[in-house]
Amino acid sequence: MNIRRATPRDAKALVDHVKAIVSEPVRTAPLDPDEVIDVSQEKALIEQFADSPRAVMLVAEEDGRIVGDITVRCISPRRALEHVASLGMSVHSGYRRRGIGRALLDAGIEWAKSIGITRLELAVFADNAPAIALYEACGFQHEGRRRHFVRFGDTYIDDLVMARLLD
C-alpha cells in the first residue's frame, strides 16, 4: 500500500471511489450517489489542493487501485484561525480493518504538523463505531454532538465533532 498526494490523473479513480463509498448500504458520508461530482470537477478540486499550501489531498493506493483518501485543509486564512484544519477521509469497504485508515490519518496529521497546524478537527456519523474507534485511538477527543445533522429520506443521523491538539 502506498500513500501519496492525489494528482489530476486520479480524478476518475477518485470519483469511482466516492461513488462506491456513497453506495454502501451503511451510510458514512453525507452524500447521495447522484450528488457525486463528475471527473472534470474532481480534477479541478485536485488541482486546487495541489496549488494550495494550506490543504492536501492524499490517496491510499494498493495494486494500482485507489482504496482510500484523506483531505486536510485549513479552515481560514485569518491569523486567529490559521492554526486549525479540518479533515475528511474514507476507505473502500473491501479494504477496511487493514491499517489503511490509520496510515492515511497518520500521513494527514504529519502534513498538518509540517505546516504549523496545532488543532485538527473532524465530524463523523455518530453510528460509525469503527471510524470513531480509529479517531479515538489516534488521540481525537469528542467535543460535541450535532443532533439530526444529516438526513437521508425520513432518517436522521447525528454526527460527532472530534478534535485533536497536535504537538
C-alpha atoms as a PDB file:
ATOM      1  CA  MET A   1       0.000   0.000   0.000  1.00  0.00           C
ATOM      2  CA  ASN A   2       1.242   3.443  -0.939  1.00  0.00           C
ATOM      3  CA  ILE A   3       0.070   6.815   0.344  1.00  0.00           C
ATOM      4  CA  ARG A   4       0.735   9.770  -1.917  1.00  0.00           C
ATOM      5  CA  ARG A   5      -0.636  13.125  -2.985  1.00  0.00           C
ATOM      6  CA  ALA A   6      -3.553  12.973  -5.367  1.00  0.00           C
ATOM      7  CA  THR A   7      -2.836  14.113  -8.915  1.00  0.00           C
ATOM      8  CA  PRO A   8      -5.233  15.165 -11.686  1.00  0.00           C
ATOM      9  CA  ARG A   9      -4.793  11.749 -13.317  1.00  0.00           C
ATOM     10  CA  ASP A  10      -6.517  10.273 -10.207  1.00  0.00           C
ATOM     11  CA  ALA A  11      -9.772  12.130 -10.865  1.00  0.00           C
ATOM     12  CA  LYS A  12     -11.734   9.250 -12.409  1.00  0.00           C
ATOM     13  CA  ALA A  13     -10.494   6.744  -9.835  1.00  0.00           C
ATOM     14  CA  LEU A  14     -11.440   9.120  -7.006  1.00  0.00           C
ATOM     15  CA  VAL A  15     -14.920   9.682  -8.444  1.00  0.00           C
ATOM     16  CA  ASP A  16     -15.351   5.901  -8.702  1.00  0.00           C
ATOM     17  CA  HIS A  17     -14.084   5.527  -5.123  1.00  0.00           C
ATOM     18  CA  VAL A  18     -16.563   8.091  -3.784  1.00  0.00           C
ATOM     19  CA  LYS A  19     -19.418   6.509  -5.758  1.00  0.00           C
ATOM     20  CA  ALA A  20     -18.594   3.162  -4.144  1.00  0.00           C
ATOM     21  CA  ILE A  21     -18.493   4.729  -0.663  1.00  0.00           C
ATOM     22  CA  VAL A  22     -21.849   6.509  -1.006  1.00  0.00           C
ATOM     23  CA  SER A  23     -23.497   3.411  -2.499  1.00  0.00           C
ATOM     24  CA  GLU A  24     -22.729   1.240   0.522  1.00  0.00           C
ATOM     25  CA  PRO A  25     -25.761   0.034   2.499  1.00  0.00           C
ATOM     26  CA  VAL A  26     -24.481   1.702   5.681  1.00  0.00           C
ATOM     27  CA  ARG A  27     -24.103   5.434   5.155  1.00  0.00           C
ATOM     28  CA  THR A  28     -20.781   7.015   6.145  1.00  0.00           C
ATOM     29  CA  ALA A  29     -20.876  10.209   4.063  1.00  0.00           C
ATOM     30  CA  PRO A  30     -23.499  12.980   3.823  1.00  0.00           C
ATOM     31  CA  LEU A  31     -23.880  12.491   0.098  1.00  0.00           C
ATOM     32  CA  ASP A  32     -26.287  10.680  -2.188  1.00  0.00           C
ATOM     33  CA  PRO A  33     -24.906   8.784  -5.206  1.00  0.00           C
ATOM     34  CA  ASP A  34     -26.384  11.315  -7.653  1.00  0.00           C
ATOM     35  CA  GLU A  35     -24.544  14.136  -5.850  1.00  0.00           C
ATOM     36  CA  VAL A  36     -21.029  12.826  -6.528  1.00  0.00           C
ATOM     37  CA  ILE A  37     -19.121  15.338  -8.618  1.00  0.00           C
ATOM     38  CA  ASP A  38     -18.025  14.418 -12.120  1.00  0.00           C
ATOM     39  CA  VAL A  39     -14.490  13.724 -13.272  1.00  0.00           C
ATOM     40  CA  SER A  40     -13.814  17.254 -14.545  1.00  0.00           C
ATOM     41  CA  GLN A  41     -14.973  18.758 -11.236  1.00  0.00           C
ATOM     42  CA  GLU A  42     -12.846  16.269  -9.301  1.00  0.00           C
ATOM     43  CA  LYS A  43      -9.838  17.125 -11.445  1.00  0.00           C
ATOM     44  CA  ALA A  44     -10.356  20.834 -10.705  1.00  0.00           C
ATOM     45  CA  LEU A  45     -10.640  20.074  -6.981  1.00  0.00           C
ATOM     46  CA  ILE A  46      -7.402  18.059  -7.033  1.00  0.00           C
ATOM     47  CA  GLU A  47      -5.683  20.953  -8.801  1.00  0.00           C
ATOM     48  CA  GLN A  48      -6.954  23.384  -6.152  1.00  0.00           C
ATOM     49  CA  PHE A  49      -5.494  21.184  -3.438  1.00  0.00           C
ATOM     50  CA  ALA A  50      -2.206  20.864  -5.330  1.00  0.00           C
ATOM     51  CA  ASP A  51      -1.952  24.645  -5.674  1.00  0.00           C
ATOM     52  CA  SER A  52      -2.703  25.365  -2.025  1.00  0.00           C
ATOM     53  CA  PRO A  53      -0.005  25.486   0.650  1.00  0.00           C
ATOM     54  CA  ARG A  54      -2.794  25.138   3.255  1.00  0.00           C
ATOM     55  CA  ALA A  55      -4.557  21.988   2.006  1.00  0.00           C
ATOM     56  CA  VAL A  56      -3.636  18.481   0.946  1.00  0.00           C
ATOM     57  CA  MET A  57      -5.431  15.564  -0.687  1.00  0.00           C
ATOM     58  CA  LEU A  58      -3.785  12.191  -0.204  1.00  0.00           C
ATOM     59  CA  VAL A  59      -4.775   8.808  -1.598  1.00  0.00           C
ATOM     60  CA  ALA A  60      -4.062   5.269  -0.494  1.00  0.00           C
ATOM     61  CA  GLU A  61      -3.236   3.057  -3.436  1.00  0.00           C
ATOM     62  CA  GLU A  62      -2.983  -0.714  -3.432  1.00  0.00           C
ATOM     63  CA  ASP A  63      -2.212  -2.794  -6.501  1.00  0.00           C
ATOM     64  CA  GLY A  64      -2.748   0.291  -8.679  1.00  0.00           C
ATOM     65  CA  ARG A  65      -6.213   0.987  -7.238  1.00  0.00           C
ATOM     66  CA  ILE A  66      -7.235   3.927  -5.060  1.00  0.00           C
ATOM     67  CA  VAL A  67      -8.730   2.392  -1.922  1.00  0.00           C
ATOM     68  CA  GLY A  68      -8.830   5.410   0.386  1.00  0.00           C
ATOM     69  CA  ASP A  69      -8.391   9.140   0.605  1.00  0.00           C
ATOM     70  CA  ILE A  70      -7.949  11.935   3.110  1.00  0.00           C
ATOM     71  CA  THR A  71      -8.224  15.677   2.724  1.00  0.00           C
ATOM     72  CA  VAL A  72      -6.870  18.129   5.254  1.00  0.00           C
ATOM     73  CA  ARG A  73      -7.480  21.825   4.866  1.00  0.00           C
ATOM     74  CA  CYS A  74      -7.083  24.901   6.970  1.00  0.00           C
ATOM     75  CA  ILE A  75     -10.432  26.355   7.940  1.00  0.00           C
ATOM     76  CA  SER A  76      -9.486  30.017   7.487  1.00  0.00           C
ATOM     77  CA  PRO A  77      -6.615  32.213   6.288  1.00  0.00           C
ATOM     78  CA  ARG A  78      -7.208  34.584   9.216  1.00  0.00           C
ATOM     79  CA  ARG A  79      -4.304  34.735  11.669  1.00  0.00           C
ATOM     80  CA  ALA A  80      -6.563  33.918  14.610  1.00  0.00           C
ATOM     81  CA  LEU A  81      -7.609  30.631  12.952  1.00  0.00           C
ATOM     82  CA  GLU A  82      -4.643  29.713  10.757  1.00  0.00           C
ATOM     83  CA  HIS A  83      -3.610  27.001  13.244  1.00  0.00           C
ATOM     84  CA  VAL A  84      -6.846  24.997  12.712  1.00  0.00           C
ATOM     85  CA  ALA A  85      -7.532  22.434   9.980  1.00  0.00           C
ATOM     86  CA  SER A  86     -10.357  20.006   9.308  1.00  0.00           C
ATOM     87  CA  LEU A  87     -10.143  16.586   7.753  1.00  0.00           C
ATOM     88  CA  GLY A  88     -12.325  14.139   5.898  1.00  0.00           C
ATOM     89  CA  MET A  89     -11.402  10.623   4.895  1.00  0.00           C
ATOM     90  CA  SER A  90     -12.758   7.376   3.523  1.00  0.00           C
ATOM     91  CA  VAL A  91     -11.602   3.820   2.916  1.00  0.00           C
ATOM     92  CA  HIS A  92     -13.261   1.429   0.463  1.00  0.00           C
ATOM     93  CA  SER A  93     -15.308  -1.214   2.306  1.00  0.00           C
ATOM     94  CA  GLY A  94     -13.239  -4.096   0.944  1.00  0.00           C
ATOM     95  CA  TYR A  95     -10.047  -2.609   2.377  1.00  0.00           C
ATOM     96  CA  ARG A  96     -11.143  -1.652   5.886  1.00  0.00           C
ATOM     97  CA  ARG A  97      -9.545  -3.020   9.053  1.00  0.00           C
ATOM     98  CA  ARG A  98      -6.188  -3.402   7.309  1.00  0.00           C
ATOM     99  CA  GLY A  99      -4.452  -0.299   8.633  1.00  0.00           C
ATOM    100  CA  ILE A 100      -5.204   1.890   5.618  1.00  0.00           C
ATOM    101  CA  GLY A 101      -7.317   4.370   7.567  1.00  0.00           C
ATOM    102  CA  ARG A 102      -4.663   4.620  10.254  1.00  0.00           C
ATOM    103  CA  ALA A 103      -1.938   5.169   7.650  1.00  0.00           C
ATOM    104  CA  LEU A 104      -3.981   7.892   5.923  1.00  0.00           C
ATOM    105  CA  LEU A 105      -4.719   9.562   9.239  1.00  0.00           C
ATOM    106  CA  ASP A 106      -1.063   9.419  10.312  1.00  0.00           C
ATOM    107  CA  ALA A 107       0.001  10.962   6.983  1.00  0.00           C
ATOM    108  CA  GLY A 108      -2.625  13.703   7.277  1.00  0.00           C
ATOM    109  CA  ILE A 109      -1.538  14.502  10.834  1.00  0.00           C
ATOM    110  CA  GLU A 110       2.123  14.665   9.812  1.00  0.00           C
ATOM    111  CA  TRP A 111       1.298  17.001   6.935  1.00  0.00           C
ATOM    112  CA  ALA A 112      -0.743  19.231   9.270  1.00  0.00           C
ATOM    113  CA  LYS A 113       2.112  19.397  11.767  1.00  0.00           C
ATOM    114  CA  SER A 114       4.554  20.257   8.970  1.00  0.00           C
ATOM    115  CA  ILE A 115       2.659  23.466   8.165  1.00  0.00           C
ATOM    116  CA  GLY A 116       2.144  24.507  11.789  1.00  0.00           C
ATOM    117  CA  ILE A 117      -1.371  23.221  12.432  1.00  0.00           C
ATOM    118  CA  THR A 118      -1.954  22.740  16.168  1.00  0.00           C
ATOM    119  CA  ARG A 119      -5.653  21.784  16.105  1.00  0.00           C
ATOM    120  CA  LEU A 120      -7.128  19.177  13.766  1.00  0.00           C
ATOM    121  CA  GLU A 121     -10.876  18.557  13.752  1.00  0.00           C
ATOM    122  CA  LEU A 122     -13.403  16.318  12.035  1.00  0.00           C
ATOM    123  CA  ALA A 123     -17.039  15.280  12.003  1.00  0.00           C
ATOM    124  CA  VAL A 124     -18.146  11.637  11.920  1.00  0.00           C
ATOM    125  CA  PHE A 125     -21.565   9.983  11.893  1.00  0.00           C
ATOM    126  CA  ALA A 126     -22.409   9.027  15.478  1.00  0.00           C
ATOM    127  CA  ASP A 127     -23.286   5.468  14.401  1.00  0.00           C
ATOM    128  CA  ASN A 128     -19.928   4.866  12.645  1.00  0.00           C
ATOM    129  CA  ALA A 129     -18.310   2.970  15.533  1.00  0.00           C
ATOM    130  CA  PRO A 130     -15.244   1.713  13.586  1.00  0.00           C
ATOM    131  CA  ALA A 131     -14.302   5.231  12.442  1.00  0.00           C
ATOM    132  CA  ILE A 132     -14.896   6.674  15.911  1.00  0.00           C
ATOM    133  CA  ALA A 133     -12.677   3.969  17.419  1.00  0.00           C
ATOM    134  CA  LEU A 134      -9.911   4.805  14.935  1.00  0.00           C
ATOM    135  CA  TYR A 135     -10.113   8.515  15.674  1.00  0.00           C
ATOM    136  CA  GLU A 136     -10.073   7.878  19.422  1.00  0.00           C
ATOM    137  CA  ALA A 137      -7.064   5.567  19.039  1.00  0.00           C
ATOM    138  CA  CYS A 138      -5.287   8.402  17.206  1.00  0.00           C
ATOM    139  CA  GLY A 139      -5.910  10.849  20.031  1.00  0.00           C
ATOM    140  CA  PHE A 140      -9.057  12.617  18.844  1.00  0.00           C
ATOM    141  CA  GLN A 141     -11.474  13.602  21.588  1.00  0.00           C
ATOM    142  CA  HIS A 142     -15.220  14.149  21.477  1.00  0.00           C
ATOM    143  CA  GLU A 143     -16.174  17.816  21.557  1.00  0.00           C
ATOM    144  CA  GLY A 144     -19.842  17.759  20.671  1.00  0.00           C
ATOM    145  CA  ARG A 145     -22.800  16.114  19.038  1.00  0.00           C
ATOM    146  CA  ARG A 146     -24.922  17.679  16.312  1.00  0.00           C
ATOM    147  CA  ARG A 147     -28.338  16.057  16.581  1.00  0.00           C
ATOM    148  CA  HIS A 148     -30.272  15.248  13.391  1.00  0.00           C
ATOM    149  CA  PHE A 149     -27.429  16.809  11.429  1.00  0.00           C
ATOM    150  CA  VAL A 150     -27.765  14.604   8.340  1.00  0.00           C
ATOM    151  CA  ARG A 151     -30.999  13.414   6.763  1.00  0.00           C
ATOM    152  CA  PHE A 152     -31.474  10.567   4.329  1.00  0.00           C
ATOM    153  CA  GLY A 153     -35.167  10.451   3.452  1.00  0.00           C
ATOM    154  CA  ASP A 154     -37.001  10.082   6.761  1.00  0.00           C
ATOM    155  CA  THR A 155     -33.900   9.015   8.683  1.00  0.00           C
ATOM    156  CA  TYR A 156     -31.811  11.466  10.659  1.00  0.00           C
ATOM    157  CA  ILE A 157     -28.254  10.812  11.766  1.00  0.00           C
ATOM    158  CA  ASP A 158     -26.360  12.657  14.475  1.00  0.00           C
ATOM    159  CA  ASP A 159     -22.749  13.449  13.934  1.00  0.00           C
ATOM    160  CA  LEU A 160     -19.935  13.893  16.387  1.00  0.00           C
ATOM    161  CA  VAL A 161     -17.407  16.685  16.356  1.00  0.00           C
ATOM    162  CA  MET A 162     -13.975  15.428  17.363  1.00  0.00           C
ATOM    163  CA  ALA A 163     -10.624  17.191  17.577  1.00  0.00           C
ATOM    164  CA  ARG A 164      -7.003  16.574  18.420  1.00  0.00           C
ATOM    165  CA  LEU A 165      -4.432  19.073  19.554  1.00  0.00           C
ATOM    166  CA  LEU A 166      -1.153  18.424  17.758  1.00  0.00           C
ATOM    167  CA  ASP A 167       2.218  18.512  19.477  1.00  0.00           C
END
